[in-house]
PDB file of N, CA and C in Angstrom:
ATOM      1  N   MET A   1      53.623  11.300 -12.736  1.00  0.00           N
ATOM      2  CA  MET A   1      54.991  11.413 -13.193  1.00  0.00           C
ATOM      3  C   MET A   1      55.376  10.132 -13.919  1.00  0.00           C
ATOM      4  N   THR A   2      55.905  10.272 -15.117  1.00  0.00           N
ATOM      5  CA  THR A   2      56.312   9.095 -15.873  1.00  0.00           C
ATOM      6  C   THR A   2      57.750   8.727 -15.529  1.00  0.00           C
ATOM      7  N   ARG A   3      58.038   7.455 -15.579  1.00  0.00           N
ATOM      8  CA  ARG A   3      59.370   6.970 -15.223  1.00  0.00           C
ATOM      9  C   ARG A   3      60.253   6.736 -16.442  1.00  0.00           C
ATOM     10  N   GLY A   4      59.674   6.634 -17.610  1.00  0.00           N
ATOM     11  CA  GLY A   4      60.471   6.443 -18.817  1.00  0.00           C
ATOM     12  C   GLY A   4      60.772   4.977 -19.072  1.00  0.00           C
ATOM     13  N   LYS A   5      61.828   4.749 -19.859  1.00  0.00           N
ATOM     14  CA  LYS A   5      62.205   3.389 -20.232  1.00  0.00           C
ATOM     15  C   LYS A   5      63.670   3.161 -19.894  1.00  0.00           C
ATOM     16  N   LEU A   6      63.979   1.944 -19.525  1.00  0.00           N
ATOM     17  CA  LEU A   6      65.348   1.548 -19.226  1.00  0.00           C
ATOM     18  C   LEU A   6      65.977   1.020 -20.501  1.00  0.00           C
ATOM     19  N   PHE A   7      67.049   1.633 -20.952  1.00  0.00           N
ATOM     20  CA  PHE A   7      67.736   1.275 -22.196  1.00  0.00           C
ATOM     21  C   PHE A   7      66.813   1.332 -23.399  1.00  0.00           C
ATOM     22  N   GLY A   8      65.741   2.089 -23.301  1.00  0.00           N
ATOM     23  CA  GLY A   8      64.801   2.223 -24.396  1.00  0.00           C
ATOM     24  C   GLY A   8      63.940   1.008 -24.645  1.00  0.00           C
ATOM     25  N   MET A   9      64.007  -0.002 -23.767  1.00  0.00           N
ATOM     26  CA  MET A   9      63.271  -1.247 -23.994  1.00  0.00           C
ATOM     27  C   MET A   9      62.279  -1.574 -22.887  1.00  0.00           C
ATOM     28  N   ILE A  10      62.692  -1.435 -21.647  1.00  0.00           N
ATOM     29  CA  ILE A  10      61.877  -1.877 -20.518  1.00  0.00           C
ATOM     30  C   ILE A  10      61.120  -0.679 -19.967  1.00  0.00           C
ATOM     31  N   ASP A  11      59.796  -0.757 -20.011  1.00  0.00           N
ATOM     32  CA  ASP A  11      58.947   0.328 -19.536  1.00  0.00           C
ATOM     33  C   ASP A  11      58.925   0.324 -18.011  1.00  0.00           C
ATOM     34  N   LEU A  12      59.398   1.399 -17.414  1.00  0.00           N
ATOM     35  CA  LEU A  12      59.460   1.484 -15.959  1.00  0.00           C
ATOM     36  C   LEU A  12      58.191   2.050 -15.337  1.00  0.00           C
ATOM     37  N   ASN A  13      57.179   2.341 -16.132  1.00  0.00           N
ATOM     38  CA  ASN A  13      55.913   2.794 -15.574  1.00  0.00           C
ATOM     39  C   ASN A  13      55.186   1.656 -14.874  1.00  0.00           C
ATOM     40  N   SER A  14      55.494   0.426 -15.253  1.00  0.00           N
ATOM     41  CA  SER A  14      54.911  -0.747 -14.597  1.00  0.00           C
ATOM     42  C   SER A  14      55.610  -0.959 -13.257  1.00  0.00           C
ATOM     43  N   ASP A  15      54.825  -1.034 -12.189  1.00  0.00           N
ATOM     44  CA  ASP A  15      55.408  -1.234 -10.861  1.00  0.00           C
ATOM     45  C   ASP A  15      56.132  -2.563 -10.750  1.00  0.00           C
ATOM     46  N   ILE A  16      55.613  -3.590 -11.397  1.00  0.00           N
ATOM     47  CA  ILE A  16      56.236  -4.915 -11.321  1.00  0.00           C
ATOM     48  C   ILE A  16      57.589  -4.909 -12.033  1.00  0.00           C
ATOM     49  N   ALA A  17      57.660  -4.287 -13.196  1.00  0.00           N
ATOM     50  CA  ALA A  17      58.933  -4.202 -13.917  1.00  0.00           C
ATOM     51  C   ALA A  17      59.958  -3.428 -13.092  1.00  0.00           C
ATOM     52  N   LEU A  18      59.540  -2.320 -12.502  1.00  0.00           N
ATOM     53  CA  LEU A  18      60.444  -1.530 -11.675  1.00  0.00           C
ATOM     54  C   LEU A  18      60.918  -2.332 -10.468  1.00  0.00           C
ATOM     55  N   TYR A  19      60.006  -3.096  -9.862  1.00  0.00           N
ATOM     56  CA  TYR A  19      60.364  -3.933  -8.718  1.00  0.00           C
ATOM     57  C   TYR A  19      61.460  -4.915  -9.096  1.00  0.00           C
ATOM     58  N   TYR A  20      61.313  -5.585 -10.233  1.00  0.00           N
ATOM     59  CA  TYR A  20      62.295  -6.584 -10.627  1.00  0.00           C
ATOM     60  C   TYR A  20      63.626  -5.948 -11.030  1.00  0.00           C
ATOM     61  N   ILE A  21      63.586  -4.786 -11.632  1.00  0.00           N
ATOM     62  CA  ILE A  21      64.828  -4.081 -11.967  1.00  0.00           C
ATOM     63  C   ILE A  21      65.573  -3.718 -10.684  1.00  0.00           C
ATOM     64  N   VAL A  22      64.851  -3.174  -9.710  1.00  0.00           N
ATOM     65  CA  VAL A  22      65.476  -2.811  -8.430  1.00  0.00           C
ATOM     66  C   VAL A  22      65.997  -4.057  -7.729  1.00  0.00           C
ATOM     67  N   LEU A  23      65.249  -5.152  -7.783  1.00  0.00           N
ATOM     68  CA  LEU A  23      65.684  -6.403  -7.165  1.00  0.00           C
ATOM     69  C   LEU A  23      66.987  -6.890  -7.781  1.00  0.00           C
ATOM     70  N   VAL A  24      67.079  -6.866  -9.094  1.00  0.00           N
ATOM     71  CA  VAL A  24      68.299  -7.311  -9.777  1.00  0.00           C
ATOM     72  C   VAL A  24      69.481  -6.410  -9.421  1.00  0.00           C
ATOM     73  N   VAL A  25      69.259  -5.109  -9.413  1.00  0.00           N
ATOM     74  CA  VAL A  25      70.341  -4.172  -9.089  1.00  0.00           C
ATOM     75  C   VAL A  25      70.820  -4.391  -7.652  1.00  0.00           C
ATOM     76  N   MET A  26      69.904  -4.583  -6.727  1.00  0.00           N
ATOM     77  CA  MET A  26      70.288  -4.787  -5.334  1.00  0.00           C
ATOM     78  C   MET A  26      70.991  -6.126  -5.135  1.00  0.00           C
ATOM     79  N   LEU A  27      70.561  -7.171  -5.836  1.00  0.00           N
ATOM     80  CA  LEU A  27      71.245  -8.468  -5.736  1.00  0.00           C
ATOM     81  C   LEU A  27      72.665  -8.379  -6.298  1.00  0.00           C
ATOM     82  N   LEU A  28      72.832  -7.657  -7.403  1.00  0.00           N
ATOM     83  CA  LEU A  28      74.173  -7.462  -7.954  1.00  0.00           C
ATOM     84  C   LEU A  28      75.057  -6.656  -6.997  1.00  0.00           C
ATOM     85  N   ALA A  29      74.483  -5.627  -6.379  1.00  0.00           N
ATOM     86  CA  ALA A  29      75.245  -4.831  -5.409  1.00  0.00           C
ATOM     87  C   ALA A  29      75.635  -5.686  -4.205  1.00  0.00           C
ATOM     88  N   PHE A  30      74.721  -6.530  -3.747  1.00  0.00           N
ATOM     89  CA  PHE A  30      75.019  -7.411  -2.616  1.00  0.00           C
ATOM     90  C   PHE A  30      76.111  -8.407  -2.981  1.00  0.00           C
ATOM     91  N   ALA A  31      76.041  -8.981  -4.188  1.00  0.00           N
ATOM     92  CA  ALA A  31      77.070  -9.915  -4.638  1.00  0.00           C
ATOM     93  C   ALA A  31      78.426  -9.229  -4.722  1.00  0.00           C
ATOM     94  N   LEU A  32      78.443  -7.982  -5.178  1.00  0.00           N
ATOM     95  CA  LEU A  32      79.688  -7.221  -5.244  1.00  0.00           C
ATOM     96  C   LEU A  32      80.261  -6.995  -3.847  1.00  0.00           C
ATOM     97  N   ILE A  33      79.403  -6.661  -2.899  1.00  0.00           N
ATOM     98  CA  ILE A  33      79.859  -6.432  -1.524  1.00  0.00           C
ATOM     99  C   ILE A  33      80.441  -7.703  -0.930  1.00  0.00           C
ATOM    100  N   VAL A  34      79.767  -8.832  -1.129  1.00  0.00           N
ATOM    101  CA  VAL A  34      80.261 -10.107  -0.600  1.00  0.00           C
ATOM    102  C   VAL A  34      81.610 -10.445  -1.225  1.00  0.00           C
ATOM    103  N   ARG A  35      81.718 -10.220  -2.528  1.00  0.00           N
ATOM    104  CA  ARG A  35      82.984 -10.510  -3.216  1.00  0.00           C
ATOM    105  C   ARG A  35      84.113  -9.615  -2.703  1.00  0.00           C
ATOM    106  N   ILE A  36      83.816  -8.360  -2.463  1.00  0.00           N
ATOM    107  CA  ILE A  36      84.844  -7.443  -1.957  1.00  0.00           C
ATOM    108  C   ILE A  36      85.278  -7.843  -0.554  1.00  0.00           C
ATOM    109  N   VAL A  37      84.323  -8.186   0.299  1.00  0.00           N
ATOM    110  CA  VAL A  37      84.653  -8.529   1.689  1.00  0.00           C
ATOM    111  C   VAL A  37      85.544  -9.763   1.753  1.00  0.00           C
ATOM    112  N   HIS A  38      85.320 -10.719   0.875  1.00  0.00           N
ATOM    113  CA  HIS A  38      86.086 -11.956   0.905  1.00  0.00           C
ATOM    114  C   HIS A  38      87.333 -11.925   0.023  1.00  0.00           C
ATOM    115  N   SER A  39      87.662 -10.784  -0.535  1.00  0.00           N
ATOM    116  CA  SER A  39      88.854 -10.641  -1.364  1.00  0.00           C
ATOM    117  C   SER A  39      90.030 -10.217  -0.483  1.00  0.00           C
ATOM    118  N   PRO A  40      91.236 -10.284  -1.021  1.00  0.00           N
ATOM    119  CA  PRO A  40      92.385  -9.768  -0.251  1.00  0.00           C
ATOM    120  C   PRO A  40      92.227  -8.293   0.122  1.00  0.00           C
ATOM    121  N   PHE A  41      91.611  -7.512  -0.767  1.00  0.00           N
ATOM    122  CA  PHE A  41      91.345  -6.111  -0.448  1.00  0.00           C
ATOM    123  C   PHE A  41      90.468  -6.002   0.798  1.00  0.00           C
ATOM    124  N   GLY A  42      89.433  -6.812   0.870  1.00  0.00           N
ATOM    125  CA  GLY A  42      88.545  -6.806   2.024  1.00  0.00           C
ATOM    126  C   GLY A  42      89.251  -7.232   3.301  1.00  0.00           C
ATOM    127  N   GLN A  43      90.165  -8.175   3.169  1.00  0.00           N
ATOM    128  CA  GLN A  43      90.908  -8.622   4.343  1.00  0.00           C
ATOM    129  C   GLN A  43      91.838  -7.514   4.858  1.00  0.00           C
ATOM    130  N   VAL A  44      92.395  -6.729   3.941  1.00  0.00           N
ATOM    131  CA  VAL A  44      93.214  -5.592   4.364  1.00  0.00           C
ATOM    132  C   VAL A  44      92.343  -4.560   5.082  1.00  0.00           C
ATOM    133  N   LEU A  45      91.127  -4.346   4.579  1.00  0.00           N
ATOM    134  CA  LEU A  45      90.225  -3.416   5.271  1.00  0.00           C
ATOM    135  C   LEU A  45      89.884  -3.902   6.669  1.00  0.00           C
ATOM    136  N   VAL A  46      89.689  -5.206   6.824  1.00  0.00           N
ATOM    137  CA  VAL A  46      89.431  -5.765   8.158  1.00  0.00           C
ATOM    138  C   VAL A  46      90.650  -5.545   9.054  1.00  0.00           C
ATOM    139  N   ALA A  47      91.850  -5.766   8.512  1.00  0.00           N
ATOM    140  CA  ALA A  47      93.074  -5.552   9.298  1.00  0.00           C
ATOM    141  C   ALA A  47      93.209  -4.095   9.710  1.00  0.00           C
ATOM    142  N   ILE A  48      92.871  -3.183   8.804  1.00  0.00           N
ATOM    143  CA  ILE A  48      92.941  -1.757   9.135  1.00  0.00           C
ATOM    144  C   ILE A  48      91.936  -1.422  10.229  1.00  0.00           C
ATOM    145  N   LYS A  49      90.744  -1.999  10.136  1.00  0.00           N
ATOM    146  CA  LYS A  49      89.717  -1.727  11.146  1.00  0.00           C
ATOM    147  C   LYS A  49      90.140  -2.249  12.520  1.00  0.00           C
ATOM    148  N   GLU A  50      90.729  -3.433  12.541  1.00  0.00           N
ATOM    149  CA  GLU A  50      91.071  -4.039  13.826  1.00  0.00           C
ATOM    150  C   GLU A  50      92.319  -3.422  14.457  1.00  0.00           C
ATOM    151  N   ASN A  51      93.343  -3.141  13.636  1.00  0.00           N
ATOM    152  CA  ASN A  51      94.590  -2.619  14.190  1.00  0.00           C
ATOM    153  C   ASN A  51      95.364  -1.901  13.085  1.00  0.00           C
ATOM    154  N   GLU A  52      95.078  -0.619  12.922  1.00  0.00           N
ATOM    155  CA  GLU A  52      95.690   0.141  11.828  1.00  0.00           C
ATOM    156  C   GLU A  52      97.204   0.237  11.934  1.00  0.00           C
ATOM    157  N   PRO A  53      97.777   0.475  13.112  1.00  0.00           N
ATOM    158  CA  PRO A  53      99.246   0.525  13.172  1.00  0.00           C
ATOM    159  C   PRO A  53      99.908  -0.788  12.728  1.00  0.00           C
ATOM    160  N   ARG A  54      99.274  -1.900  13.025  1.00  0.00           N
ATOM    161  CA  ARG A  54      99.824  -3.188  12.593  1.00  0.00           C
ATOM    162  C   ARG A  54      99.761  -3.312  11.073  1.00  0.00           C
ATOM    163  N   ALA A  55      98.666  -2.856  10.468  1.00  0.00           N
ATOM    164  CA  ALA A  55      98.545  -2.909   9.010  1.00  0.00           C
ATOM    165  C   ALA A  55      99.605  -2.023   8.359  1.00  0.00           C
ATOM    166  N   VAL A  56      99.877  -0.880   8.970  1.00  0.00           N
ATOM    167  CA  VAL A  56     100.930   0.003   8.452  1.00  0.00           C
ATOM    168  C   VAL A  56     102.281  -0.690   8.568  1.00  0.00           C
ATOM    169  N   SER A  57     102.511  -1.364   9.707  1.00  0.00           N
ATOM    170  CA  SER A  57     103.798  -2.043   9.894  1.00  0.00           C
ATOM    171  C   SER A  57     103.966  -3.223   8.941  1.00  0.00           C
ATOM    172  N   LEU A  58     102.868  -3.770   8.433  1.00  0.00           N
ATOM    173  CA  LEU A  58     102.945  -4.845   7.444  1.00  0.00           C
ATOM    174  C   LEU A  58     103.175  -4.314   6.038  1.00  0.00           C
ATOM    175  N   GLY A  59     103.152  -2.989   5.880  1.00  0.00           N
ATOM    176  CA  GLY A  59     103.485  -2.387   4.602  1.00  0.00           C
ATOM    177  C   GLY A  59     102.303  -1.943   3.770  1.00  0.00           C
ATOM    178  N   TYR A  60     101.108  -1.958   4.334  1.00  0.00           N
ATOM    179  CA  TYR A  60      99.933  -1.518   3.575  1.00  0.00           C
ATOM    180  C   TYR A  60      99.786  -0.007   3.668  1.00  0.00           C
ATOM    181  N   ASP A  61      99.457   0.595   2.539  1.00  0.00           N
ATOM    182  CA  ASP A  61      99.195   2.033   2.501  1.00  0.00           C
ATOM    183  C   ASP A  61      97.741   2.239   2.943  1.00  0.00           C
ATOM    184  N   THR A  62      97.553   2.434   4.236  1.00  0.00           N
ATOM    185  CA  THR A  62      96.202   2.460   4.798  1.00  0.00           C
ATOM    186  C   THR A  62      95.390   3.632   4.278  1.00  0.00           C
ATOM    187  N   ALA A  63      96.020   4.751   4.006  1.00  0.00           N
ATOM    188  CA  ALA A  63      95.275   5.906   3.486  1.00  0.00           C
ATOM    189  C   ALA A  63      94.671   5.583   2.122  1.00  0.00           C
ATOM    190  N   ARG A  64      95.417   4.896   1.281  1.00  0.00           N
ATOM    191  CA  ARG A  64      94.915   4.530  -0.046  1.00  0.00           C
ATOM    192  C   ARG A  64      93.767   3.524   0.060  1.00  0.00           C
ATOM    193  N   TYR A  65      93.899   2.547   0.950  1.00  0.00           N
ATOM    194  CA  TYR A  65      92.837   1.561   1.131  1.00  0.00           C
ATOM    195  C   TYR A  65      91.573   2.212   1.679  1.00  0.00           C
ATOM    196  N   LYS A  66      91.732   3.130   2.621  1.00  0.00           N
ATOM    197  CA  LYS A  66      90.563   3.817   3.177  1.00  0.00           C
ATOM    198  C   LYS A  66      89.890   4.702   2.137  1.00  0.00           C
ATOM    199  N   LEU A  67      90.682   5.367   1.306  1.00  0.00           N
ATOM    200  CA  LEU A  67      90.116   6.193   0.244  1.00  0.00           C
ATOM    201  C   LEU A  67      89.334   5.334  -0.750  1.00  0.00           C
ATOM    202  N   LEU A  68      89.886   4.197  -1.136  1.00  0.00           N
ATOM    203  CA  LEU A  68      89.196   3.315  -2.068  1.00  0.00           C
ATOM    204  C   LEU A  68      87.912   2.755  -1.449  1.00  0.00           C
ATOM    205  N   ALA A  69      87.947   2.435  -0.159  1.00  0.00           N
ATOM    206  CA  ALA A  69      86.739   1.958   0.517  1.00  0.00           C
ATOM    207  C   ALA A  69      85.668   3.053   0.537  1.00  0.00           C
ATOM    208  N   PHE A  70      86.079   4.285   0.753  1.00  0.00           N
ATOM    209  CA  PHE A  70      85.138   5.409   0.746  1.00  0.00           C
ATOM    210  C   PHE A  70      84.529   5.596  -0.636  1.00  0.00           C
ATOM    211  N   VAL A  71      85.349   5.507  -1.674  1.00  0.00           N
ATOM    212  CA  VAL A  71      84.858   5.665  -3.048  1.00  0.00           C
ATOM    213  C   VAL A  71      83.881   4.544  -3.392  1.00  0.00           C
ATOM    214  N   LEU A  72      84.199   3.314  -3.009  1.00  0.00           N
ATOM    215  CA  LEU A  72      83.292   2.196  -3.265  1.00  0.00           C
ATOM    216  C   LEU A  72      81.967   2.362  -2.531  1.00  0.00           C
ATOM    217  N   SER A  73      82.018   2.824  -1.289  1.00  0.00           N
ATOM    218  CA  SER A  73      80.776   3.009  -0.534  1.00  0.00           C
ATOM    219  C   SER A  73      79.934   4.124  -1.131  1.00  0.00           C
ATOM    220  N   ALA A  74      80.577   5.184  -1.597  1.00  0.00           N
ATOM    221  CA  ALA A  74      79.833   6.274  -2.231  1.00  0.00           C
ATOM    222  C   ALA A  74      79.204   5.810  -3.541  1.00  0.00           C
ATOM    223  N   GLY A  75      79.940   4.988  -4.282  1.00  0.00           N
ATOM    224  CA  GLY A  75      79.395   4.450  -5.528  1.00  0.00           C
ATOM    225  C   GLY A  75      78.200   3.554  -5.291  1.00  0.00           C
ATOM    226  N   LEU A  76      78.287   2.707  -4.280  1.00  0.00           N
ATOM    227  CA  LEU A  76      77.158   1.831  -3.959  1.00  0.00           C
ATOM    228  C   LEU A  76      75.979   2.632  -3.416  1.00  0.00           C
ATOM    229  N   ALA A  77      76.245   3.693  -2.680  1.00  0.00           N
ATOM    230  CA  ALA A  77      75.157   4.520  -2.166  1.00  0.00           C
ATOM    231  C   ALA A  77      74.454   5.261  -3.281  1.00  0.00           C
ATOM    232  N   GLY A  78      75.163   5.535  -4.359  1.00  0.00           N
ATOM    233  CA  GLY A  78      74.579   6.268  -5.458  1.00  0.00           C
ATOM    234  C   GLY A  78      73.994   5.388  -6.550  1.00  0.00           C
ATOM    235  N   VAL A  79      73.916   4.081  -6.320  1.00  0.00           N
ATOM    236  CA  VAL A  79      73.395   3.176  -7.345  1.00  0.00           C
ATOM    237  C   VAL A  79      71.962   3.533  -7.702  1.00  0.00           C
ATOM    238  N   TRP A  80      71.142   3.770  -6.727  1.00  0.00           N
ATOM    239  CA  TRP A  80      69.751   4.102  -6.984  1.00  0.00           C
ATOM    240  C   TRP A  80      69.452   5.444  -6.333  1.00  0.00           C
ATOM    241  N   PRO A  81      69.466   6.531  -7.097  1.00  0.00           N
ATOM    242  CA  PRO A  81      69.295   7.856  -6.497  1.00  0.00           C
ATOM    243  C   PRO A  81      67.881   8.048  -5.912  1.00  0.00           C
ATOM    244  N   ALA A  82      67.823   8.735  -4.815  1.00  0.00           N
ATOM    245  CA  ALA A  82      66.530   9.050  -4.183  1.00  0.00           C
ATOM    246  C   ALA A  82      65.863  10.179  -4.937  1.00  0.00           C
ATOM    247  N   ARG A  83      64.558  10.181  -4.923  1.00  0.00           N
ATOM    248  CA  ARG A  83      63.811  11.236  -5.620  1.00  0.00           C
ATOM    249  C   ARG A  83      63.038  12.055  -4.638  1.00  0.00           C
TER     250      ARG A  83
END
């Protein structure tokens, strides 16, 4: 089975090239996760996890934050589709 080319330039049939592409994608995903966790959005998610009624009383729309967290997790899960 051939893997094709990434952006028409990088041949993915080479195992080493594919390894480095996957490594870069995973490092970028990890950096994104770290950035999200340490952002104000991430702190609101921590507050919701620890005590949701308190987060609601502080004025956060917890349903919207939970929906956005779900969408982000689904997006990260779909970064590299399984075959």
